[in-house]
Amino acid sequence: MAMAAQAHDAITPITAAPVTAPGTASPAATSRRRRLDAGVVQLSQRDIDGLLLCGEHFGAPFDLLATALGVEPERLSTLTTRWRRAGFAATGRLGPGPKWCWLTRDGMTATGLGFRAGPPALARLAHVRAILAARLWMEASPAWHDGRPWWHSERRLLAGQPAADRAEHLPDAEVHWPSLDGSPYAGQIWAIEVELTPKSAGRTTRIMTGLLSGMEYALVIYLTAARARPVVTRAAGSLPLGQQSRLVVRDLPGYAFAPRGSLPAGGPIVAASGQRAEFRVIHAFSSVVHVVEVGFQRAEASGPGGAVGR
C-alpha cells in the first residue's frame, strides 16, 4: 500500500523584530527561534508509520523496517536517531543479523498503542521477523493496493483477548478487507499463520480445525518454512473437504529468514484435495485465493516493497 511521505522538518512561524540589514535576523529573533525549537523533534508521517510498525510487531529489524518505510539503510539511521532523541524508541543488536528497533514506554504512550515497552524476547526474534516479512510480502502485491485491506497484528489480537479469557488459538495476524464495491473479498477476514518449526500433526490439525470451525475466517493462510511444511500439508490433508477449500499453504519469502540472498523459487500455492492427503494447485479462477496466487506471486518476484498499511 502506497505511503505518502511528508516533509520531515516543519517550520514554526516566528515573528521577528525589525532588522537593519536586509535578509539578516536580529540577535533577539535568532535567540527566540532557538528557544522555541529547543528540544522539539519534528515527526513526519513516515516517522509515525515506523513507530507504529515497531510497536505493533514487538520491534523490527533494520532491513525490514527500511523496506517498510521505503528508505535506504543510511536514511533509516537518521530516522531512528530522531526517534531515540525524542525518547520514543531504542535500538540495539539483539542477536545475529541487523540491529532492531523497538518502542520505549514514552513511544507506546505517544503512539497510543499502550503495549508493554521493550525489545522482543530473544526466543521470539525469528518468529517476529518472519511475521513482519509476511506482512511486507502481502502488502507489496497489486491486489493489496487495490483492495486496501489492513493488517490486524498479533499484539492487537492478544490485547483484545486477555490470556484469562483465551480458550482458542489466536492466529499470528488477521487481514481485514473493507467492503468496497467490486472487491471479490469485500468484508472478509483472513487468518495468517506463520510456521517456522514443525509441531505435532495432531496439534497442527487442532489449530487448523479451530480456525476453520466457524465462518469468521473466509481463508486461513499458512506461510511456512521448509522444515515445517510437511507437517502442515499432512495436517491439511486430514481435514474435511469443506475446510480444505478455505486453507492455503505457501512458502515464506526468503527475506523472512535473513536480510541477504535472493527469494526462493517457491512452489505453487497448494491446498489439500482428498482424504489421502494428496494436493492440488489452487487454480487462479478461484476468486477467494486468486489474490494469493497471482497478486502475491508478482510481489515475490520483486522482493518486499511498498509501505506500511493501516
C-alpha atoms as a PDB file:
ATOM      1  CA  MET A   1       0.000   0.000   0.000  1.00  0.00           C
ATOM      2  CA  ALA A   2       1.477   3.294  -1.032  1.00  0.00           C
ATOM      3  CA  MET A   3       2.500   5.587   1.750  1.00  0.00           C
ATOM      4  CA  ALA A   4       2.701   9.327   1.308  1.00  0.00           C
ATOM      5  CA  ALA A   5       5.879  10.597   2.920  1.00  0.00           C
ATOM      6  CA  GLN A   6       5.611  14.115   4.200  1.00  0.00           C
ATOM      7  CA  ALA A   7       8.272  16.720   4.858  1.00  0.00           C
ATOM      8  CA  HIS A   8      10.420  15.830   7.846  1.00  0.00           C
ATOM      9  CA  ASP A   9      11.007  19.337   9.151  1.00  0.00           C
ATOM     10  CA  ALA A  10       8.085  21.625   9.831  1.00  0.00           C
ATOM     11  CA  ILE A  11       8.860  25.291  10.326  1.00  0.00           C
ATOM     12  CA  THR A  12       7.478  27.030  13.372  1.00  0.00           C
ATOM     13  CA  PRO A  13       6.213  30.509  12.421  1.00  0.00           C
ATOM     14  CA  ILE A  14       8.366  33.197  14.026  1.00  0.00           C
ATOM     15  CA  THR A  15       7.543  36.902  14.353  1.00  0.00           C
ATOM     16  CA  ALA A  16      10.920  38.561  14.043  1.00  0.00           C
ATOM     17  CA  ALA A  17      11.833  42.024  15.273  1.00  0.00           C
ATOM     18  CA  PRO A  18      12.766  44.657  12.665  1.00  0.00           C
ATOM     19  CA  VAL A  19      16.265  44.216  11.307  1.00  0.00           C
ATOM     20  CA  THR A  20      18.663  46.766   9.956  1.00  0.00           C
ATOM     21  CA  ALA A  21      20.254  44.657   7.227  1.00  0.00           C
ATOM     22  CA  PRO A  22      18.011  43.007   4.637  1.00  0.00           C
ATOM     23  CA  GLY A  23      17.976  39.200   4.998  1.00  0.00           C
ATOM     24  CA  THR A  24      19.715  39.283   8.397  1.00  0.00           C
ATOM     25  CA  ALA A  25      17.790  38.241  11.519  1.00  0.00           C
ATOM     26  CA  SER A  26      18.357  40.220  14.672  1.00  0.00           C
ATOM     27  CA  PRO A  27      20.061  38.509  17.647  1.00  0.00           C
ATOM     28  CA  ALA A  28      16.768  38.638  19.558  1.00  0.00           C
ATOM     29  CA  ALA A  29      14.888  36.843  16.763  1.00  0.00           C
ATOM     30  CA  THR A  30      17.602  34.221  16.431  1.00  0.00           C
ATOM     31  CA  SER A  31      17.630  33.630  20.183  1.00  0.00           C
ATOM     32  CA  ARG A  32      13.846  33.327  20.275  1.00  0.00           C
ATOM     33  CA  ARG A  33      13.859  30.828  17.388  1.00  0.00           C
ATOM     34  CA  ARG A  34      16.398  28.709  19.241  1.00  0.00           C
ATOM     35  CA  ARG A  35      14.258  28.785  22.394  1.00  0.00           C
ATOM     36  CA  LEU A  36      11.123  27.733  20.508  1.00  0.00           C
ATOM     37  CA  ASP A  37      12.900  24.904  18.703  1.00  0.00           C
ATOM     38  CA  ALA A  38      14.895  23.644  21.674  1.00  0.00           C
ATOM     39  CA  GLY A  39      14.067  20.024  22.472  1.00  0.00           C
ATOM     40  CA  VAL A  40      11.360  19.775  19.802  1.00  0.00           C
ATOM     41  CA  VAL A  41      11.522  16.767  17.487  1.00  0.00           C
ATOM     42  CA  GLN A  42       9.538  17.190  14.293  1.00  0.00           C
ATOM     43  CA  LEU A  43       7.872  13.922  13.211  1.00  0.00           C
ATOM     44  CA  SER A  44       6.744  13.204   9.661  1.00  0.00           C
ATOM     45  CA  GLN A  45       4.125  10.675   8.580  1.00  0.00           C
ATOM     46  CA  ARG A  46       6.982   8.308   7.777  1.00  0.00           C
ATOM     47  CA  ASP A  47       8.217   8.628  11.357  1.00  0.00           C
ATOM     48  CA  ILE A  48       4.739   7.883  12.680  1.00  0.00           C
ATOM     49  CA  ASP A  49       4.344   4.878  10.373  1.00  0.00           C
ATOM     50  CA  GLY A  50       7.680   3.487  11.523  1.00  0.00           C
ATOM     51  CA  LEU A  51       6.924   3.950  15.200  1.00  0.00           C
ATOM     52  CA  LEU A  52       3.535   2.275  14.829  1.00  0.00           C
ATOM     53  CA  LEU A  53       5.086  -0.622  12.940  1.00  0.00           C
ATOM     54  CA  CYS A  54       7.699  -1.197  15.637  1.00  0.00           C
ATOM     55  CA  GLY A  55       5.054  -1.014  18.339  1.00  0.00           C
ATOM     56  CA  GLU A  56       2.625  -3.391  16.652  1.00  0.00           C
ATOM     57  CA  HIS A  57       5.286  -6.024  15.881  1.00  0.00           C
ATOM     58  CA  PHE A  58       7.156  -6.019  19.235  1.00  0.00           C
ATOM     59  CA  GLY A  59      10.072  -4.499  17.289  1.00  0.00           C
ATOM     60  CA  ALA A  60      11.540  -4.554  13.793  1.00  0.00           C
ATOM     61  CA  PRO A  61      14.930  -5.489  12.294  1.00  0.00           C
ATOM     62  CA  PHE A  62      16.536  -2.613  10.437  1.00  0.00           C
ATOM     63  CA  ASP A  63      16.454  -4.197   6.981  1.00  0.00           C
ATOM     64  CA  LEU A  64      12.719  -4.910   7.047  1.00  0.00           C
ATOM     65  CA  LEU A  65      11.972  -1.581   8.721  1.00  0.00           C
ATOM     66  CA  ALA A  66      13.844   0.257   5.948  1.00  0.00           C
ATOM     67  CA  THR A  67      11.890  -1.711   3.328  1.00  0.00           C
ATOM     68  CA  ALA A  68       8.582  -0.967   5.012  1.00  0.00           C
ATOM     69  CA  LEU A  69       9.303   2.760   5.068  1.00  0.00           C
ATOM     70  CA  GLY A  70      10.788   2.865   1.571  1.00  0.00           C
ATOM     71  CA  VAL A  71      14.158   4.287   2.636  1.00  0.00           C
ATOM     72  CA  GLU A  72      17.785   3.294   2.227  1.00  0.00           C
ATOM     73  CA  PRO A  73      19.563   1.885   5.314  1.00  0.00           C
ATOM     74  CA  GLU A  74      21.560   5.098   5.733  1.00  0.00           C
ATOM     75  CA  ARG A  75      18.366   7.128   5.819  1.00  0.00           C
ATOM     76  CA  LEU A  76      16.844   4.740   8.350  1.00  0.00           C
ATOM     77  CA  SER A  77      19.660   5.510  10.786  1.00  0.00           C
ATOM     78  CA  THR A  78      18.695   9.178  10.587  1.00  0.00           C
ATOM     79  CA  LEU A  79      15.084   8.313  11.374  1.00  0.00           C
ATOM     80  CA  THR A  80      15.846   6.028  14.316  1.00  0.00           C
ATOM     81  CA  THR A  81      18.268   8.610  15.739  1.00  0.00           C
ATOM     82  CA  ARG A  82      15.418  11.124  15.728  1.00  0.00           C
ATOM     83  CA  TRP A  83      13.134   8.613  17.467  1.00  0.00           C
ATOM     84  CA  ARG A  84      15.750   7.928  20.136  1.00  0.00           C
ATOM     85  CA  ARG A  85      16.326  11.636  20.656  1.00  0.00           C
ATOM     86  CA  ALA A  86      12.602  12.062  21.236  1.00  0.00           C
ATOM     87  CA  GLY A  87      12.691   9.214  23.753  1.00  0.00           C
ATOM     88  CA  PHE A  88      10.219   7.151  21.702  1.00  0.00           C
ATOM     89  CA  ALA A  89      12.450   4.263  20.641  1.00  0.00           C
ATOM     90  CA  ALA A  90      15.592   2.319  21.402  1.00  0.00           C
ATOM     91  CA  THR A  91      17.851   0.391  19.061  1.00  0.00           C
ATOM     92  CA  GLY A  92      20.401  -2.352  19.502  1.00  0.00           C
ATOM     93  CA  ARG A  93      21.742  -5.657  18.268  1.00  0.00           C
ATOM     94  CA  LEU A  94      19.708  -8.446  19.820  1.00  0.00           C
ATOM     95  CA  GLY A  95      21.286 -11.376  18.003  1.00  0.00           C
ATOM     96  CA  PRO A  96      22.902 -12.317  14.687  1.00  0.00           C
ATOM     97  CA  GLY A  97      21.951 -10.077  11.792  1.00  0.00           C
ATOM     98  CA  PRO A  98      20.893  -6.440  11.661  1.00  0.00           C
ATOM     99  CA  LYS A  99      20.045  -4.147  14.537  1.00  0.00           C
ATOM    100  CA  TRP A 100      16.500  -3.940  15.871  1.00  0.00           C
ATOM    101  CA  CYS A 101      14.302  -1.013  16.840  1.00  0.00           C
ATOM    102  CA  TRP A 102      11.588  -1.110  19.500  1.00  0.00           C
ATOM    103  CA  LEU A 103       9.449   1.388  21.368  1.00  0.00           C
ATOM    104  CA  THR A 104      10.055   2.763  24.830  1.00  0.00           C
ATOM    105  CA  ARG A 105       7.299   3.499  27.321  1.00  0.00           C
ATOM    106  CA  ASP A 106       7.120   7.078  26.024  1.00  0.00           C
ATOM    107  CA  GLY A 107       6.881   5.738  22.492  1.00  0.00           C
ATOM    108  CA  MET A 108       3.976   3.479  23.417  1.00  0.00           C
ATOM    109  CA  THR A 109       2.253   6.437  25.042  1.00  0.00           C
ATOM    110  CA  ALA A 110       2.867   8.726  22.066  1.00  0.00           C
ATOM    111  CA  THR A 111       1.527   6.203  19.547  1.00  0.00           C
ATOM    112  CA  GLY A 112      -1.444   5.345  21.732  1.00  0.00           C
ATOM    113  CA  LEU A 113      -0.746   1.625  21.407  1.00  0.00           C
ATOM    114  CA  GLY A 114      -0.318   1.041  25.112  1.00  0.00           C
ATOM    115  CA  PHE A 115       1.513  -2.291  24.807  1.00  0.00           C
ATOM    116  CA  ARG A 116       4.367  -3.339  27.072  1.00  0.00           C
ATOM    117  CA  ALA A 117       7.502  -1.430  26.131  1.00  0.00           C
ATOM    118  CA  GLY A 118      10.862  -3.052  25.497  1.00  0.00           C
ATOM    119  CA  PRO A 119      12.652  -5.263  22.995  1.00  0.00           C
ATOM    120  CA  PRO A 120      11.160  -8.507  21.703  1.00  0.00           C
ATOM    121  CA  ALA A 121      12.072 -11.670  23.600  1.00  0.00           C
ATOM    122  CA  LEU A 122      15.207 -13.313  22.252  1.00  0.00           C
ATOM    123  CA  ALA A 123      13.391 -16.623  21.835  1.00  0.00           C
ATOM    124  CA  ARG A 124      10.843 -14.947  19.543  1.00  0.00           C
ATOM    125  CA  LEU A 125      13.176 -12.924  17.291  1.00  0.00           C
ATOM    126  CA  ALA A 126      12.915 -15.336  14.358  1.00  0.00           C
ATOM    127  CA  HIS A 127       9.132 -15.524  14.619  1.00  0.00           C
ATOM    128  CA  VAL A 128       8.711 -11.755  14.939  1.00  0.00           C
ATOM    129  CA  ARG A 129      10.895 -11.233  11.875  1.00  0.00           C
ATOM    130  CA  ALA A 130       9.004 -13.839   9.835  1.00  0.00           C
ATOM    131  CA  ILE A 131       5.618 -12.304  10.643  1.00  0.00           C
ATOM    132  CA  LEU A 132       6.786  -8.839   9.596  1.00  0.00           C
ATOM    133  CA  ALA A 133       8.265 -10.292   6.399  1.00  0.00           C
ATOM    134  CA  ALA A 134       4.942 -11.993   5.669  1.00  0.00           C
ATOM    135  CA  ARG A 135       3.166  -8.678   6.121  1.00  0.00           C
ATOM    136  CA  LEU A 136       5.517  -6.850   3.755  1.00  0.00           C
ATOM    137  CA  TRP A 137       5.214  -9.635   1.190  1.00  0.00           C
ATOM    138  CA  MET A 138       1.433  -9.376   1.191  1.00  0.00           C
ATOM    139  CA  GLU A 139       1.320  -5.576   1.284  1.00  0.00           C
ATOM    140  CA  ALA A 140       3.588  -5.353  -1.782  1.00  0.00           C
ATOM    141  CA  SER A 141       1.005  -7.014  -4.030  1.00  0.00           C
ATOM    142  CA  PRO A 142      -1.226  -5.183  -6.521  1.00  0.00           C
ATOM    143  CA  ALA A 143      -4.211  -6.974  -5.005  1.00  0.00           C
ATOM    144  CA  TRP A 144      -3.449  -5.412  -1.613  1.00  0.00           C
ATOM    145  CA  HIS A 145      -3.141  -1.993  -3.191  1.00  0.00           C
ATOM    146  CA  ASP A 146      -6.461  -2.368  -4.990  1.00  0.00           C
ATOM    147  CA  GLY A 147      -8.397  -3.934  -2.116  1.00  0.00           C
ATOM    148  CA  ARG A 148      -6.924  -1.696   0.625  1.00  0.00           C
ATOM    149  CA  PRO A 149      -7.146  -4.202   3.488  1.00  0.00           C
ATOM    150  CA  TRP A 150      -5.440  -3.634   6.812  1.00  0.00           C
ATOM    151  CA  TRP A 151      -3.219  -5.808   8.962  1.00  0.00           C
ATOM    152  CA  HIS A 152      -4.543  -6.653  12.428  1.00  0.00           C
ATOM    153  CA  SER A 153      -1.382  -7.563  14.329  1.00  0.00           C
ATOM    154  CA  GLU A 154      -0.767 -10.309  16.855  1.00  0.00           C
ATOM    155  CA  ARG A 155      -0.364  -7.731  19.619  1.00  0.00           C
ATOM    156  CA  ARG A 156      -3.764  -6.251  18.871  1.00  0.00           C
ATOM    157  CA  LEU A 157      -5.320  -9.725  18.851  1.00  0.00           C
ATOM    158  CA  LEU A 158      -3.706 -10.575  22.190  1.00  0.00           C
ATOM    159  CA  ALA A 159      -4.783  -7.262  23.704  1.00  0.00           C
ATOM    160  CA  GLY A 160      -8.354  -7.863  22.562  1.00  0.00           C
ATOM    161  CA  GLN A 161      -8.499 -11.267  24.210  1.00  0.00           C
ATOM    162  CA  PRO A 162      -6.672 -11.455  27.557  1.00  0.00           C
ATOM    163  CA  ALA A 163      -4.996 -14.753  28.428  1.00  0.00           C
ATOM    164  CA  ALA A 164      -7.516 -15.494  31.182  1.00  0.00           C
ATOM    165  CA  ASP A 165     -10.358 -15.389  28.639  1.00  0.00           C
ATOM    166  CA  ARG A 166      -8.464 -17.076  25.805  1.00  0.00           C
ATOM    167  CA  ALA A 167      -9.875 -20.535  25.108  1.00  0.00           C
ATOM    168  CA  GLU A 168      -8.863 -20.865  21.472  1.00  0.00           C
ATOM    169  CA  HIS A 169      -5.702 -20.460  19.431  1.00  0.00           C
ATOM    170  CA  LEU A 170      -5.173 -16.963  18.058  1.00  0.00           C
ATOM    171  CA  PRO A 171      -3.607 -16.557  14.606  1.00  0.00           C
ATOM    172  CA  ASP A 172      -0.379 -14.631  14.134  1.00  0.00           C
ATOM    173  CA  ALA A 173      -2.352 -11.886  12.381  1.00  0.00           C
ATOM    174  CA  GLU A 174      -5.581 -11.132  10.588  1.00  0.00           C
ATOM    175  CA  VAL A 175      -6.155  -9.391   7.270  1.00  0.00           C
ATOM    176  CA  HIS A 176      -9.368  -7.365   7.192  1.00  0.00           C
ATOM    177  CA  TRP A 177     -10.815  -6.461   3.780  1.00  0.00           C
ATOM    178  CA  PRO A 178     -13.082  -3.397   3.672  1.00  0.00           C
ATOM    179  CA  SER A 179     -16.459  -3.644   1.992  1.00  0.00           C
ATOM    180  CA  LEU A 180     -15.503  -1.915  -1.245  1.00  0.00           C
ATOM    181  CA  ASP A 181     -17.791  -2.118  -4.260  1.00  0.00           C
ATOM    182  CA  GLY A 182     -16.444  -4.573  -6.796  1.00  0.00           C
ATOM    183  CA  SER A 183     -13.959  -6.215  -4.428  1.00  0.00           C
ATOM    184  CA  PRO A 184     -14.097 -10.039  -4.509  1.00  0.00           C
ATOM    185  CA  TYR A 185     -13.034 -10.091  -0.857  1.00  0.00           C
ATOM    186  CA  ALA A 186     -15.326  -7.371   0.493  1.00  0.00           C
ATOM    187  CA  GLY A 187     -15.902  -7.775   4.212  1.00  0.00           C
ATOM    188  CA  GLN A 188     -13.731 -10.886   4.501  1.00  0.00           C
ATOM    189  CA  ILE A 189     -11.282 -11.637   7.298  1.00  0.00           C
ATOM    190  CA  TRP A 190      -8.281 -13.881   6.637  1.00  0.00           C
ATOM    191  CA  ALA A 191      -6.242 -15.606   9.349  1.00  0.00           C
ATOM    192  CA  ILE A 192      -2.464 -15.654   8.897  1.00  0.00           C
ATOM    193  CA  GLU A 193      -0.323 -18.397  10.436  1.00  0.00           C
ATOM    194  CA  VAL A 194       3.479 -18.259  10.199  1.00  0.00           C
ATOM    195  CA  GLU A 195       5.033 -21.667  10.841  1.00  0.00           C
ATOM    196  CA  LEU A 196       8.807 -21.864  11.287  1.00  0.00           C
ATOM    197  CA  THR A 197       9.185 -25.136  13.162  1.00  0.00           C
ATOM    198  CA  PRO A 198       7.117 -28.320  12.864  1.00  0.00           C
ATOM    199  CA  LYS A 199       4.571 -29.050  15.563  1.00  0.00           C
ATOM    200  CA  SER A 200       2.975 -32.440  16.036  1.00  0.00           C
ATOM    201  CA  ALA A 201       0.453 -33.315  13.347  1.00  0.00           C
ATOM    202  CA  GLY A 202      -2.246 -33.608  15.993  1.00  0.00           C
ATOM    203  CA  ARG A 203      -1.655 -30.152  17.389  1.00  0.00           C
ATOM    204  CA  THR A 204      -1.424 -28.605  13.926  1.00  0.00           C
ATOM    205  CA  THR A 205      -4.711 -30.252  12.935  1.00  0.00           C
ATOM    206  CA  ARG A 206      -6.419 -28.974  16.100  1.00  0.00           C
ATOM    207  CA  ILE A 207      -5.242 -25.418  15.387  1.00  0.00           C
ATOM    208  CA  MET A 208      -6.470 -25.597  11.788  1.00  0.00           C
ATOM    209  CA  THR A 209      -9.810 -27.038  12.880  1.00  0.00           C
ATOM    210  CA  GLY A 210     -10.238 -24.300  15.454  1.00  0.00           C
ATOM    211  CA  LEU A 211      -9.527 -21.528  12.957  1.00  0.00           C
ATOM    212  CA  LEU A 212     -11.831 -23.067  10.343  1.00  0.00           C
ATOM    213  CA  SER A 213     -14.619 -24.298  12.627  1.00  0.00           C
ATOM    214  CA  GLY A 214     -16.705 -21.157  12.355  1.00  0.00           C
ATOM    215  CA  MET A 215     -17.192 -18.797   9.461  1.00  0.00           C
ATOM    216  CA  GLU A 216     -15.207 -15.922  10.976  1.00  0.00           C
ATOM    217  CA  TYR A 217     -12.327 -16.561   8.581  1.00  0.00           C
ATOM    218  CA  ALA A 218     -13.034 -16.785   4.870  1.00  0.00           C
ATOM    219  CA  LEU A 219      -9.497 -18.041   4.373  1.00  0.00           C
ATOM    220  CA  VAL A 220      -6.682 -19.375   6.574  1.00  0.00           C
ATOM    221  CA  ILE A 221      -3.232 -18.852   5.068  1.00  0.00           C
ATOM    222  CA  TYR A 222      -0.248 -20.845   6.326  1.00  0.00           C
ATOM    223  CA  LEU A 223       3.133 -19.363   5.395  1.00  0.00           C
ATOM    224  CA  THR A 224       5.755 -21.949   6.260  1.00  0.00           C
ATOM    225  CA  ALA A 225       9.453 -22.639   6.463  1.00  0.00           C
ATOM    226  CA  ALA A 226      10.615 -25.675   4.512  1.00  0.00           C
ATOM    227  CA  ARG A 227      11.024 -27.874   7.575  1.00  0.00           C
ATOM    228  CA  ALA A 228       7.517 -27.097   8.831  1.00  0.00           C
ATOM    229  CA  ARG A 229       5.734 -27.575   5.525  1.00  0.00           C
ATOM    230  CA  PRO A 230       5.409 -31.422   5.533  1.00  0.00           C
ATOM    231  CA  VAL A 231       3.533 -31.441   8.845  1.00  0.00           C
ATOM    232  CA  VAL A 232       1.321 -28.548   7.760  1.00  0.00           C
ATOM    233  CA  THR A 233       0.388 -30.165   4.452  1.00  0.00           C
ATOM    234  CA  ARG A 234      -0.218 -33.537   6.110  1.00  0.00           C
ATOM    235  CA  ALA A 235      -2.499 -31.944   8.693  1.00  0.00           C
ATOM    236  CA  ALA A 236      -4.331 -30.043   5.953  1.00  0.00           C
ATOM    237  CA  GLY A 237      -4.941 -33.292   4.102  1.00  0.00           C
ATOM    238  CA  SER A 238      -6.720 -34.764   7.109  1.00  0.00           C
ATOM    239  CA  LEU A 239      -9.355 -32.018   7.212  1.00  0.00           C
ATOM    240  CA  PRO A 240     -12.890 -32.379   5.842  1.00  0.00           C
ATOM    241  CA  LEU A 241     -13.152 -31.283   2.215  1.00  0.00           C
ATOM    242  CA  GLY A 242     -15.256 -28.253   3.114  1.00  0.00           C
ATOM    243  CA  GLN A 243     -12.490 -26.926   5.361  1.00  0.00           C
ATOM    244  CA  GLN A 244      -9.704 -27.791   2.922  1.00  0.00           C
ATOM    245  CA  SER A 245     -11.158 -25.373   0.385  1.00  0.00           C
ATOM    246  CA  ARG A 246     -10.585 -22.496   2.836  1.00  0.00           C
ATOM    247  CA  LEU A 247      -6.967 -23.347   3.628  1.00  0.00           C
ATOM    248  CA  VAL A 248      -3.903 -22.163   1.694  1.00  0.00           C
ATOM    249  CA  VAL A 249      -0.317 -23.307   2.297  1.00  0.00           C
ATOM    250  CA  ARG A 250       2.550 -21.244   0.882  1.00  0.00           C
ATOM    251  CA  ASP A 251       6.313 -20.910   1.387  1.00  0.00           C
ATOM    252  CA  LEU A 252       7.560 -17.910   3.317  1.00  0.00           C
ATOM    253  CA  PRO A 253       9.630 -15.478   1.238  1.00  0.00           C
ATOM    254  CA  GLY A 254      13.379 -15.825   1.629  1.00  0.00           C
ATOM    255  CA  TYR A 255      13.775 -12.499   3.447  1.00  0.00           C
ATOM    256  CA  ALA A 256      11.692 -13.902   6.296  1.00  0.00           C
ATOM    257  CA  PHE A 257      14.853 -15.634   7.476  1.00  0.00           C
ATOM    258  CA  ALA A 258      17.778 -13.390   6.548  1.00  0.00           C
ATOM    259  CA  PRO A 259      18.308  -9.929   5.039  1.00  0.00           C
ATOM    260  CA  ARG A 260      20.607 -11.140   2.279  1.00  0.00           C
ATOM    261  CA  GLY A 261      20.106 -13.550  -0.621  1.00  0.00           C
ATOM    262  CA  SER A 262      17.524 -13.896  -3.337  1.00  0.00           C
ATOM    263  CA  LEU A 263      13.991 -15.113  -2.885  1.00  0.00           C
ATOM    264  CA  PRO A 264      13.402 -18.830  -3.239  1.00  0.00           C
ATOM    265  CA  ALA A 265      11.800 -20.002  -6.448  1.00  0.00           C
ATOM    266  CA  GLY A 266       8.950 -21.396  -4.371  1.00  0.00           C
ATOM    267  CA  GLY A 267       6.243 -23.752  -5.413  1.00  0.00           C
ATOM    268  CA  PRO A 268       2.619 -23.150  -6.231  1.00  0.00           C
ATOM    269  CA  ILE A 269       0.123 -22.476  -3.506  1.00  0.00           C
ATOM    270  CA  VAL A 270      -1.384 -25.800  -2.571  1.00  0.00           C
ATOM    271  CA  ALA A 271      -4.366 -26.979  -0.623  1.00  0.00           C
ATOM    272  CA  ALA A 272      -5.498 -30.432   0.403  1.00  0.00           C
ATOM    273  CA  SER A 273      -7.659 -32.105  -2.229  1.00  0.00           C
ATOM    274  CA  GLY A 274      -8.524 -35.508  -0.868  1.00  0.00           C
ATOM    275  CA  GLN A 275      -8.688 -37.840   2.093  1.00  0.00           C
ATOM    276  CA  ARG A 276      -5.328 -39.411   1.124  1.00  0.00           C
ATOM    277  CA  ALA A 277      -3.523 -36.108   1.677  1.00  0.00           C
ATOM    278  CA  GLU A 278      -2.878 -35.520  -1.982  1.00  0.00           C
ATOM    279  CA  PHE A 279      -2.553 -31.906  -3.027  1.00  0.00           C
ATOM    280  CA  ARG A 280      -3.503 -29.848  -5.978  1.00  0.00           C
ATOM    281  CA  VAL A 281      -2.670 -26.386  -7.214  1.00  0.00           C
ATOM    282  CA  ILE A 282      -5.365 -23.874  -6.408  1.00  0.00           C
ATOM    283  CA  HIS A 283      -6.495 -22.507  -9.755  1.00  0.00           C
ATOM    284  CA  ALA A 284      -6.431 -18.805 -10.455  1.00  0.00           C
ATOM    285  CA  PHE A 285     -10.121 -18.787 -11.327  1.00  0.00           C
ATOM    286  CA  SER A 286     -10.966 -19.320  -7.664  1.00  0.00           C
ATOM    287  CA  SER A 287     -11.838 -15.777  -6.635  1.00  0.00           C
ATOM    288  CA  VAL A 288     -11.065 -16.363  -2.970  1.00  0.00           C
ATOM    289  CA  VAL A 289      -7.411 -17.260  -3.487  1.00  0.00           C
ATOM    290  CA  HIS A 290      -6.690 -15.519  -6.793  1.00  0.00           C
ATOM    291  CA  VAL A 291      -5.151 -12.648  -4.853  1.00  0.00           C
ATOM    292  CA  VAL A 292      -2.744 -15.021  -3.135  1.00  0.00           C
ATOM    293  CA  GLU A 293      -1.693 -16.983  -6.183  1.00  0.00           C
ATOM    294  CA  VAL A 294      -1.439 -14.193  -8.744  1.00  0.00           C
ATOM    295  CA  GLY A 295      -1.118 -10.879  -6.920  1.00  0.00           C
ATOM    296  CA  PHE A 296       1.291 -12.082  -4.256  1.00  0.00           C
ATOM    297  CA  GLN A 297       3.463 -14.020  -6.690  1.00  0.00           C
ATOM    298  CA  ARG A 298       4.061 -10.749  -8.546  1.00  0.00           C
ATOM    299  CA  ALA A 299       5.180  -9.195  -5.286  1.00  0.00           C
ATOM    300  CA  GLU A 300       7.518 -12.095  -4.523  1.00  0.00           C
ATOM    301  CA  ALA A 301       9.224 -11.776  -7.892  1.00  0.00           C
ATOM    302  CA  SER A 302      10.455  -8.293  -6.979  1.00  0.00           C
ATOM    303  CA  GLY A 303      11.032  -8.812  -3.261  1.00  0.00           C
ATOM    304  CA  PRO A 304       9.485  -6.871  -0.396  1.00  0.00           C
ATOM    305  CA  GLY A 305       8.381  -3.349  -1.083  1.00  0.00           C
ATOM    306  CA  GLY A 306       5.608  -0.862  -0.677  1.00  0.00           C
ATOM    307  CA  ALA A 307       4.914   0.649   2.684  1.00  0.00           C
ATOM    308  CA  VAL A 308       3.119   0.069   5.881  1.00  0.00           C
ATOM    309  CA  GLY A 309      -0.649  -0.261   5.593  1.00  0.00           C
ATOM    310  CA  ARG A 310      -3.216   0.648   8.111  1.00  0.00           C
END
